[in-house]
Amino acid sequence: MAIKPTIYKFRISLSDMNRGVYDTLNLTVAMHPSENMERMMARVLAYCLNAEEFLDFTKGLSAIEEPDIWLRTLDDQLMLWVDIGEPAFDRIKKASRIAKNVKVYSFNTKSDVWWEQNSAKFSTISANVIQFDHSQIKYLAGLVKRTMEFSVSISDQSAYIATADDACEVHWTTLQGA
């Protein structure tokens, strides 16, 4: 019997000063059995950084032909493709041909090595590559409960996340793109 995903419910008060987006997000997030908490929270933070109408989590790790997050218009145009982790260059090259915007959010200990090995190839395509600070993502993952409310305040290249019990800040570096 297959292991089922673990479901998390988040109510997020979002304040994105960079884009002027202020909203309350009610997210139901399925953590795939092979996914760890750090990756799931990198997905949630990437969602917050791109929050707008029609943005959706996909089947993610359960559907290898889909990104982790996408934005599709009502007429099914793929406006945004978001991958989390360190995807293969060929996957992102293909995504850049089918989506108007492509973003990669790298977050773990192997990010630096992955980028060093792939940056020259990525420079040939139109894709934004962002690297979250791994230790800060790890700390954020330690705050997670199955059902929780928290606030995310985004300014410049950092997000301040406050829960009822604790708070943390996650910084990122733009490796490629705007």
N, C-alpha and C. Protein backbone atom coordinates (compact mmCIF):
# COMPACT_ATOMS: atom_id res chain seq x y z
N MET A 1 0.84 -1.18 0.00
CA MET A 1 0.00 0.00 0.00
C MET A 1 0.89 1.25 0.00
N ALA A 2 0.53 2.19 -0.82
CA ALA A 2 1.31 3.42 -0.94
C ALA A 2 1.12 4.31 0.29
N ILE A 3 2.19 4.99 0.67
CA ILE A 3 2.11 5.92 1.78
C ILE A 3 1.47 7.21 1.29
N LYS A 4 0.52 7.72 2.05
CA LYS A 4 -0.20 8.92 1.67
C LYS A 4 0.55 10.17 2.12
N PRO A 5 0.30 11.29 1.45
CA PRO A 5 0.94 12.53 1.88
C PRO A 5 0.37 13.00 3.22
N THR A 6 1.15 13.80 3.93
CA THR A 6 0.72 14.42 5.17
C THR A 6 0.17 15.80 4.83
N ILE A 7 -1.00 16.11 5.35
CA ILE A 7 -1.67 17.37 5.03
C ILE A 7 -1.42 18.40 6.12
N TYR A 8 -1.06 19.61 5.69
CA TYR A 8 -0.84 20.75 6.59
C TYR A 8 -1.79 21.86 6.16
N LYS A 9 -2.31 22.56 7.14
CA LYS A 9 -3.21 23.69 6.87
C LYS A 9 -2.61 24.95 7.48
N PHE A 10 -2.38 25.93 6.63
CA PHE A 10 -1.76 27.19 7.05
C PHE A 10 -2.68 28.36 6.75
N ARG A 11 -2.79 29.24 7.72
CA ARG A 11 -3.45 30.54 7.50
C ARG A 11 -2.34 31.57 7.64
N ILE A 12 -2.05 32.25 6.53
CA ILE A 12 -0.90 33.14 6.47
C ILE A 12 -1.35 34.58 6.22
N SER A 13 -0.93 35.47 7.10
CA SER A 13 -1.14 36.91 6.87
C SER A 13 0.09 37.39 6.11
N LEU A 14 -0.09 37.69 4.85
CA LEU A 14 1.03 38.05 3.97
C LEU A 14 1.12 39.56 3.78
N SER A 15 2.31 40.08 3.98
CA SER A 15 2.62 41.49 3.68
C SER A 15 3.88 41.50 2.83
N ASP A 16 3.71 41.70 1.55
CA ASP A 16 4.85 41.75 0.63
C ASP A 16 5.07 43.20 0.23
N MET A 17 5.98 43.86 0.94
CA MET A 17 6.25 45.27 0.67
C MET A 17 6.92 45.48 -0.70
N ASN A 18 7.60 44.47 -1.20
CA ASN A 18 8.26 44.59 -2.51
C ASN A 18 7.25 44.74 -3.64
N ARG A 19 6.15 44.02 -3.56
CA ARG A 19 5.15 44.01 -4.64
C ARG A 19 3.86 44.72 -4.27
N GLY A 20 3.73 45.15 -3.02
CA GLY A 20 2.50 45.79 -2.58
C GLY A 20 1.34 44.81 -2.48
N VAL A 21 1.63 43.60 -2.06
CA VAL A 21 0.61 42.56 -1.91
C VAL A 21 0.36 42.34 -0.43
N TYR A 22 -0.90 42.50 -0.02
CA TYR A 22 -1.31 42.29 1.37
C TYR A 22 -2.55 41.42 1.33
N ASP A 23 -2.45 40.21 1.89
CA ASP A 23 -3.53 39.25 1.73
C ASP A 23 -3.49 38.24 2.87
N THR A 24 -4.57 37.52 3.03
CA THR A 24 -4.61 36.38 3.93
C THR A 24 -4.75 35.14 3.06
N LEU A 25 -3.81 34.23 3.21
CA LEU A 25 -3.78 33.01 2.41
C LEU A 25 -4.22 31.83 3.27
N ASN A 26 -5.13 31.05 2.78
CA ASN A 26 -5.51 29.80 3.43
C ASN A 26 -5.00 28.66 2.56
N LEU A 27 -3.90 28.07 2.98
CA LEU A 27 -3.24 27.05 2.16
C LEU A 27 -3.41 25.67 2.78
N THR A 28 -3.75 24.72 1.95
CA THR A 28 -3.71 23.31 2.31
C THR A 28 -2.56 22.72 1.52
N VAL A 29 -1.55 22.25 2.24
CA VAL A 29 -0.31 21.80 1.61
C VAL A 29 -0.11 20.32 1.89
N ALA A 30 0.07 19.56 0.84
CA ALA A 30 0.33 18.12 0.98
C ALA A 30 1.84 17.89 0.93
N MET A 31 2.39 17.31 2.00
CA MET A 31 3.81 16.97 2.01
C MET A 31 3.95 15.53 1.52
N HIS A 32 4.57 15.38 0.36
CA HIS A 32 4.79 14.08 -0.26
C HIS A 32 5.61 13.20 0.69
N PRO A 33 5.36 11.89 0.71
CA PRO A 33 6.11 11.01 1.61
C PRO A 33 7.63 11.09 1.46
N SER A 34 8.12 11.41 0.26
CA SER A 34 9.56 11.51 0.05
C SER A 34 10.10 12.92 0.28
N GLU A 35 9.23 13.84 0.64
CA GLU A 35 9.62 15.24 0.84
C GLU A 35 9.94 15.47 2.32
N ASN A 36 10.92 16.35 2.58
CA ASN A 36 11.18 16.70 3.97
C ASN A 36 10.55 18.06 4.30
N MET A 37 10.53 18.38 5.57
CA MET A 37 9.88 19.60 6.04
C MET A 37 10.54 20.85 5.45
N GLU A 38 11.86 20.84 5.29
CA GLU A 38 12.55 22.00 4.72
C GLU A 38 12.07 22.29 3.30
N ARG A 39 11.93 21.25 2.50
CA ARG A 39 11.48 21.44 1.12
C ARG A 39 10.04 21.96 1.09
N MET A 40 9.21 21.40 1.96
CA MET A 40 7.82 21.86 1.99
C MET A 40 7.76 23.34 2.36
N MET A 41 8.54 23.76 3.34
CA MET A 41 8.50 25.16 3.75
C MET A 41 9.15 26.07 2.71
N ALA A 42 10.11 25.57 1.96
CA ALA A 42 10.64 26.34 0.83
C ALA A 42 9.54 26.54 -0.21
N ARG A 43 8.70 25.52 -0.42
CA ARG A 43 7.55 25.66 -1.33
C ARG A 43 6.57 26.71 -0.83
N VAL A 44 6.27 26.67 0.47
CA VAL A 44 5.33 27.64 1.04
C VAL A 44 5.88 29.05 0.92
N LEU A 45 7.16 29.23 1.21
CA LEU A 45 7.76 30.57 1.10
C LEU A 45 7.79 31.03 -0.36
N ALA A 46 8.10 30.15 -1.29
CA ALA A 46 8.07 30.50 -2.72
C ALA A 46 6.66 30.89 -3.13
N TYR A 47 5.67 30.19 -2.60
CA TYR A 47 4.27 30.55 -2.88
C TYR A 47 4.00 31.97 -2.40
N CYS A 48 4.42 32.28 -1.19
CA CYS A 48 4.20 33.63 -0.64
C CYS A 48 4.89 34.70 -1.49
N LEU A 49 6.08 34.40 -1.97
CA LEU A 49 6.84 35.36 -2.78
C LEU A 49 6.19 35.63 -4.14
N ASN A 50 5.33 34.72 -4.58
CA ASN A 50 4.69 34.84 -5.89
C ASN A 50 3.18 34.93 -5.79
N ALA A 51 2.64 35.10 -4.61
CA ALA A 51 1.20 35.02 -4.38
C ALA A 51 0.42 35.98 -5.29
N GLU A 52 -0.53 35.42 -5.98
CA GLU A 52 -1.49 36.17 -6.77
C GLU A 52 -2.61 35.22 -7.17
N GLU A 53 -3.67 35.78 -7.71
CA GLU A 53 -4.81 34.97 -8.10
C GLU A 53 -4.39 33.91 -9.11
N PHE A 54 -4.93 32.71 -8.97
CA PHE A 54 -4.71 31.54 -9.83
C PHE A 54 -3.38 30.83 -9.59
N LEU A 55 -2.57 31.27 -8.62
CA LEU A 55 -1.35 30.55 -8.28
C LEU A 55 -1.74 29.29 -7.53
N ASP A 56 -1.16 28.16 -7.92
CA ASP A 56 -1.54 26.87 -7.32
C ASP A 56 -0.34 25.98 -7.10
N PHE A 57 -0.43 25.18 -6.02
CA PHE A 57 0.48 24.06 -5.86
C PHE A 57 0.03 22.99 -6.85
N THR A 58 0.97 22.28 -7.43
CA THR A 58 0.64 21.19 -8.33
C THR A 58 0.77 19.87 -7.57
N LYS A 59 0.73 18.78 -8.30
CA LYS A 59 0.96 17.47 -7.68
C LYS A 59 2.42 17.29 -7.31
N GLY A 60 3.27 18.22 -7.77
CA GLY A 60 4.67 18.26 -7.37
C GLY A 60 5.42 16.97 -7.62
N LEU A 61 5.98 16.39 -6.57
CA LEU A 61 6.80 15.19 -6.70
C LEU A 61 6.02 14.00 -7.24
N SER A 62 4.71 14.05 -7.17
CA SER A 62 3.88 12.96 -7.69
C SER A 62 3.69 13.05 -9.20
N ALA A 63 4.01 14.18 -9.80
CA ALA A 63 3.85 14.37 -11.25
C ALA A 63 5.11 15.03 -11.78
N ILE A 64 6.01 14.23 -12.32
CA ILE A 64 7.33 14.75 -12.70
C ILE A 64 7.31 15.75 -13.85
N GLU A 65 6.23 15.79 -14.61
CA GLU A 65 6.13 16.74 -15.72
C GLU A 65 5.60 18.10 -15.29
N GLU A 66 5.26 18.25 -14.02
CA GLU A 66 4.72 19.51 -13.51
C GLU A 66 5.73 20.17 -12.58
N PRO A 67 5.65 21.49 -12.46
CA PRO A 67 6.48 22.18 -11.48
C PRO A 67 5.89 21.98 -10.08
N ASP A 68 6.50 22.57 -9.08
CA ASP A 68 5.95 22.53 -7.72
C ASP A 68 4.77 23.50 -7.58
N ILE A 69 4.89 24.63 -8.26
CA ILE A 69 3.87 25.68 -8.20
C ILE A 69 3.73 26.22 -9.62
N TRP A 70 2.50 26.55 -9.99
CA TRP A 70 2.33 27.19 -11.29
C TRP A 70 1.20 28.19 -11.25
N LEU A 71 1.22 29.05 -12.25
CA LEU A 71 0.16 30.02 -12.44
C LEU A 71 -0.35 29.82 -13.86
N ARG A 72 -1.61 29.42 -13.94
CA ARG A 72 -2.26 29.24 -15.24
C ARG A 72 -3.39 30.25 -15.35
N THR A 73 -3.55 30.82 -16.53
CA THR A 73 -4.64 31.76 -16.77
C THR A 73 -5.92 30.97 -17.02
N LEU A 74 -7.02 31.69 -17.10
CA LEU A 74 -8.31 31.03 -17.36
C LEU A 74 -8.33 30.32 -18.70
N ASP A 75 -7.54 30.82 -19.66
CA ASP A 75 -7.48 30.15 -20.97
C ASP A 75 -6.30 29.15 -21.03
N ASP A 76 -5.81 28.75 -19.85
CA ASP A 76 -4.82 27.68 -19.66
C ASP A 76 -3.42 28.01 -20.17
N GLN A 77 -3.08 29.28 -20.26
CA GLN A 77 -1.70 29.65 -20.58
C GLN A 77 -0.86 29.50 -19.31
N LEU A 78 0.32 28.97 -19.45
CA LEU A 78 1.23 28.79 -18.32
C LEU A 78 2.07 30.05 -18.15
N MET A 79 1.70 30.85 -17.16
CA MET A 79 2.37 32.13 -16.95
C MET A 79 3.59 32.02 -16.05
N LEU A 80 3.56 31.08 -15.08
CA LEU A 80 4.67 30.95 -14.13
C LEU A 80 4.90 29.49 -13.79
N TRP A 81 6.15 29.09 -13.86
CA TRP A 81 6.60 27.74 -13.50
C TRP A 81 7.59 27.92 -12.35
N VAL A 82 7.33 27.29 -11.21
CA VAL A 82 8.22 27.40 -10.04
C VAL A 82 8.68 26.01 -9.64
N ASP A 83 10.00 25.81 -9.63
CA ASP A 83 10.59 24.56 -9.15
C ASP A 83 11.34 24.84 -7.86
N ILE A 84 11.30 23.89 -6.95
CA ILE A 84 11.98 23.99 -5.67
C ILE A 84 13.10 22.96 -5.65
N GLY A 85 14.29 23.36 -5.24
CA GLY A 85 15.41 22.43 -5.14
C GLY A 85 16.48 22.75 -6.17
N GLU A 86 17.08 21.71 -6.67
CA GLU A 86 18.17 21.85 -7.63
C GLU A 86 17.84 21.03 -8.88
N PRO A 87 16.94 21.54 -9.71
CA PRO A 87 16.50 20.76 -10.89
C PRO A 87 17.58 20.67 -11.96
N ALA A 88 17.42 19.67 -12.80
CA ALA A 88 18.31 19.50 -13.94
C ALA A 88 18.12 20.65 -14.92
N PHE A 89 19.20 21.07 -15.55
CA PHE A 89 19.16 22.16 -16.51
C PHE A 89 18.14 21.89 -17.62
N ASP A 90 18.12 20.67 -18.15
CA ASP A 90 17.21 20.34 -19.25
C ASP A 90 15.75 20.54 -18.86
N ARG A 91 15.41 20.26 -17.62
CA ARG A 91 14.04 20.46 -17.14
C ARG A 91 13.67 21.94 -17.18
N ILE A 92 14.58 22.80 -16.73
CA ILE A 92 14.30 24.24 -16.69
C ILE A 92 14.35 24.83 -18.09
N LYS A 93 15.21 24.31 -18.94
CA LYS A 93 15.25 24.76 -20.34
C LYS A 93 13.91 24.48 -21.01
N LYS A 94 13.38 23.29 -20.79
CA LYS A 94 12.07 22.93 -21.35
C LYS A 94 10.98 23.84 -20.77
N ALA A 95 11.04 24.06 -19.46
CA ALA A 95 10.05 24.93 -18.80
C ALA A 95 10.09 26.34 -19.38
N SER A 96 11.29 26.83 -19.70
CA SER A 96 11.42 28.20 -20.23
C SER A 96 10.80 28.34 -21.62
N ARG A 97 10.60 27.22 -22.30
CA ARG A 97 9.95 27.26 -23.62
C ARG A 97 8.43 27.22 -23.51
N ILE A 98 7.91 26.68 -22.40
CA ILE A 98 6.45 26.54 -22.30
C ILE A 98 5.80 27.52 -21.32
N ALA A 99 6.59 28.15 -20.46
CA ALA A 99 6.04 29.10 -19.49
C ALA A 99 6.59 30.49 -19.75
N LYS A 100 5.78 31.50 -19.50
CA LYS A 100 6.22 32.87 -19.70
C LYS A 100 7.34 33.24 -18.73
N ASN A 101 7.22 32.81 -17.47
CA ASN A 101 8.24 33.07 -16.44
C ASN A 101 8.60 31.76 -15.75
N VAL A 102 9.88 31.60 -15.45
CA VAL A 102 10.37 30.41 -14.77
C VAL A 102 11.21 30.86 -13.58
N LYS A 103 10.95 30.24 -12.42
CA LYS A 103 11.71 30.54 -11.22
C LYS A 103 12.13 29.24 -10.55
N VAL A 104 13.36 29.23 -10.07
CA VAL A 104 13.90 28.11 -9.31
C VAL A 104 14.29 28.64 -7.94
N TYR A 105 13.82 27.97 -6.89
CA TYR A 105 14.18 28.32 -5.52
C TYR A 105 14.99 27.16 -4.95
N SER A 106 16.27 27.41 -4.78
CA SER A 106 17.18 26.42 -4.21
C SER A 106 17.28 26.67 -2.72
N PHE A 107 17.42 25.62 -1.92
CA PHE A 107 17.34 25.84 -0.47
C PHE A 107 18.24 24.97 0.38
N ASN A 108 18.89 23.97 -0.15
CA ASN A 108 19.57 23.05 0.76
C ASN A 108 21.08 23.15 0.74
N THR A 109 21.74 22.23 1.43
CA THR A 109 23.19 22.31 1.61
C THR A 109 23.97 22.12 0.32
N LYS A 110 23.37 21.51 -0.69
CA LYS A 110 24.09 21.30 -1.94
C LYS A 110 23.84 22.40 -2.97
N SER A 111 23.15 23.46 -2.58
CA SER A 111 22.83 24.55 -3.51
C SER A 111 24.05 25.19 -4.15
N ASP A 112 25.06 25.47 -3.35
CA ASP A 112 26.26 26.13 -3.88
C ASP A 112 26.95 25.28 -4.94
N VAL A 113 27.10 23.99 -4.66
CA VAL A 113 27.75 23.09 -5.61
C VAL A 113 26.92 22.98 -6.88
N TRP A 114 25.58 22.81 -6.72
CA TRP A 114 24.68 22.72 -7.87
C TRP A 114 24.81 23.97 -8.74
N TRP A 115 24.81 25.15 -8.13
CA TRP A 115 24.88 26.38 -8.90
C TRP A 115 26.24 26.53 -9.58
N GLU A 116 27.29 26.18 -8.89
CA GLU A 116 28.64 26.25 -9.48
C GLU A 116 28.74 25.36 -10.72
N GLN A 117 28.11 24.20 -10.68
CA GLN A 117 28.15 23.27 -11.80
C GLN A 117 27.22 23.66 -12.95
N ASN A 118 26.18 24.45 -12.67
CA ASN A 118 25.15 24.71 -13.66
C ASN A 118 24.98 26.16 -14.08
N SER A 119 25.63 27.10 -13.43
CA SER A 119 25.39 28.52 -13.70
C SER A 119 25.67 28.91 -15.15
N ALA A 120 26.71 28.36 -15.75
CA ALA A 120 27.02 28.71 -17.14
C ALA A 120 25.89 28.28 -18.07
N LYS A 121 25.35 27.09 -17.85
CA LYS A 121 24.24 26.61 -18.68
C LYS A 121 22.99 27.46 -18.46
N PHE A 122 22.69 27.76 -17.20
CA PHE A 122 21.49 28.54 -16.89
C PHE A 122 21.56 29.95 -17.48
N SER A 123 22.75 30.48 -17.64
CA SER A 123 22.88 31.83 -18.19
C SER A 123 22.40 31.92 -19.64
N THR A 124 22.21 30.78 -20.29
CA THR A 124 21.76 30.76 -21.68
C THR A 124 20.24 30.77 -21.82
N ILE A 125 19.52 30.68 -20.70
CA ILE A 125 18.05 30.65 -20.76
C ILE A 125 17.46 31.74 -19.86
N SER A 126 16.20 32.02 -20.08
CA SER A 126 15.49 33.01 -19.29
C SER A 126 14.84 32.32 -18.09
N ALA A 127 15.52 32.38 -16.96
CA ALA A 127 14.99 31.79 -15.73
C ALA A 127 15.57 32.55 -14.55
N ASN A 128 14.76 32.77 -13.54
CA ASN A 128 15.23 33.38 -12.31
C ASN A 128 15.64 32.27 -11.35
N VAL A 129 16.79 32.42 -10.73
CA VAL A 129 17.27 31.43 -9.78
C VAL A 129 17.54 32.13 -8.46
N ILE A 130 16.87 31.65 -7.42
CA ILE A 130 16.94 32.27 -6.10
C ILE A 130 17.41 31.21 -5.12
N GLN A 131 18.31 31.59 -4.22
CA GLN A 131 18.82 30.65 -3.22
C GLN A 131 18.43 31.11 -1.82
N PHE A 132 17.61 30.29 -1.14
CA PHE A 132 17.29 30.56 0.26
C PHE A 132 18.45 30.14 1.13
N ASP A 133 18.61 30.81 2.26
CA ASP A 133 19.61 30.41 3.25
C ASP A 133 19.15 29.10 3.90
N HIS A 134 19.95 28.05 3.75
CA HIS A 134 19.54 26.73 4.22
C HIS A 134 19.30 26.67 5.73
N SER A 135 20.18 27.25 6.51
CA SER A 135 20.01 27.16 7.97
C SER A 135 18.73 27.87 8.42
N GLN A 136 18.36 28.93 7.73
CA GLN A 136 17.14 29.65 8.09
C GLN A 136 15.89 28.88 7.67
N ILE A 137 15.93 28.22 6.52
CA ILE A 137 14.82 27.35 6.10
C ILE A 137 14.68 26.19 7.09
N LYS A 138 15.79 25.66 7.53
CA LYS A 138 15.76 24.56 8.49
C LYS A 138 15.12 25.01 9.80
N TYR A 139 15.46 26.20 10.25
CA TYR A 139 14.86 26.73 11.48
C TYR A 139 13.36 26.93 11.29
N LEU A 140 12.97 27.50 10.16
CA LEU A 140 11.55 27.69 9.85
C LEU A 140 10.81 26.36 9.87
N ALA A 141 11.40 25.33 9.29
CA ALA A 141 10.77 24.01 9.25
C ALA A 141 10.53 23.47 10.66
N GLY A 142 11.40 23.83 11.59
CA GLY A 142 11.25 23.39 12.97
C GLY A 142 10.07 24.03 13.69
N LEU A 143 9.51 25.09 13.13
CA LEU A 143 8.38 25.78 13.76
C LEU A 143 7.03 25.23 13.33
N VAL A 144 7.02 24.35 12.34
CA VAL A 144 5.77 23.93 11.70
C VAL A 144 4.95 22.98 12.57
N LYS A 145 3.65 23.25 12.55
CA LYS A 145 2.64 22.37 13.15
C LYS A 145 1.65 22.03 12.05
N ARG A 146 0.90 20.96 12.24
CA ARG A 146 -0.03 20.50 11.19
C ARG A 146 -1.06 21.55 10.82
N THR A 147 -1.53 22.30 11.80
CA THR A 147 -2.46 23.40 11.55
C THR A 147 -1.90 24.60 12.28
N MET A 148 -1.69 25.70 11.57
CA MET A 148 -1.11 26.86 12.23
C MET A 148 -1.42 28.15 11.50
N GLU A 149 -1.33 29.24 12.25
CA GLU A 149 -1.43 30.58 11.70
C GLU A 149 -0.07 31.25 11.88
N PHE A 150 0.34 31.99 10.87
CA PHE A 150 1.56 32.77 10.99
C PHE A 150 1.52 33.94 10.02
N SER A 151 2.43 34.87 10.24
CA SER A 151 2.52 36.02 9.34
C SER A 151 3.85 35.97 8.61
N VAL A 152 3.82 36.45 7.37
CA VAL A 152 5.02 36.55 6.55
C VAL A 152 5.11 37.98 6.06
N SER A 153 6.18 38.65 6.44
CA SER A 153 6.43 40.03 6.01
C SER A 153 7.67 40.02 5.13
N ILE A 154 7.48 40.40 3.86
CA ILE A 154 8.56 40.35 2.88
C ILE A 154 9.03 41.77 2.57
N SER A 155 10.33 41.96 2.65
CA SER A 155 10.94 43.25 2.31
C SER A 155 12.34 42.99 1.78
N ASP A 156 12.66 43.64 0.67
CA ASP A 156 13.95 43.44 0.00
C ASP A 156 14.16 41.96 -0.26
N GLN A 157 15.25 41.38 0.25
CA GLN A 157 15.52 39.97 0.01
C GLN A 157 15.45 39.17 1.30
N SER A 158 14.39 39.43 2.08
CA SER A 158 14.19 38.64 3.29
C SER A 158 12.70 38.58 3.63
N ALA A 159 12.37 37.55 4.37
CA ALA A 159 11.00 37.36 4.86
C ALA A 159 11.09 37.13 6.36
N TYR A 160 10.29 37.88 7.10
CA TYR A 160 10.19 37.71 8.54
C TYR A 160 8.93 36.90 8.79
N ILE A 161 9.09 35.74 9.42
CA ILE A 161 7.98 34.84 9.66
C ILE A 161 7.75 34.77 11.17
N ALA A 162 6.52 35.07 11.59
CA ALA A 162 6.18 35.05 13.01
C ALA A 162 5.03 34.08 13.25
N THR A 163 5.25 33.14 14.17
CA THR A 163 4.21 32.21 14.60
C THR A 163 3.79 32.59 16.02
N ALA A 164 2.86 31.87 16.57
CA ALA A 164 2.42 32.14 17.94
C ALA A 164 3.54 31.84 18.94
N ASP A 165 4.45 30.92 18.59
CA ASP A 165 5.49 30.48 19.52
C ASP A 165 6.87 31.08 19.29
N ASP A 166 7.17 31.48 18.07
CA ASP A 166 8.54 31.89 17.74
C ASP A 166 8.52 32.70 16.44
N ALA A 167 9.67 33.15 16.04
CA ALA A 167 9.81 33.90 14.79
C ALA A 167 11.17 33.62 14.20
N CYS A 168 11.28 33.84 12.91
CA CYS A 168 12.58 33.70 12.25
C CYS A 168 12.59 34.59 11.00
N GLU A 169 13.75 34.73 10.45
CA GLU A 169 13.91 35.49 9.22
C GLU A 169 14.62 34.61 8.22
N VAL A 170 14.13 34.64 6.98
CA VAL A 170 14.75 33.86 5.91
C VAL A 170 15.24 34.85 4.85
N HIS A 171 16.53 34.79 4.58
CA HIS A 171 17.14 35.64 3.55
C HIS A 171 17.36 34.80 2.30
N TRP A 172 17.44 35.49 1.16
CA TRP A 172 17.76 34.80 -0.07
C TRP A 172 18.67 35.66 -0.93
N THR A 173 19.30 34.98 -1.86
CA THR A 173 20.20 35.61 -2.81
C THR A 173 19.68 35.32 -4.20
N THR A 174 19.62 36.34 -5.04
CA THR A 174 19.23 36.14 -6.43
C THR A 174 20.49 35.77 -7.20
N LEU A 175 20.54 34.54 -7.69
CA LEU A 175 21.70 34.06 -8.42
C LEU A 175 21.61 34.43 -9.90
N GLN A 176 20.39 34.51 -10.41
CA GLN A 176 20.19 34.87 -11.82
C GLN A 176 18.81 35.49 -11.97
N GLY A 177 18.70 36.53 -12.77
CA GLY A 177 17.42 37.15 -13.05
C GLY A 177 17.15 38.34 -12.14
N ALA A 178 15.90 38.76 -12.16
CA ALA A 178 15.51 39.95 -11.40
C ALA A 178 15.04 39.60 -10.01
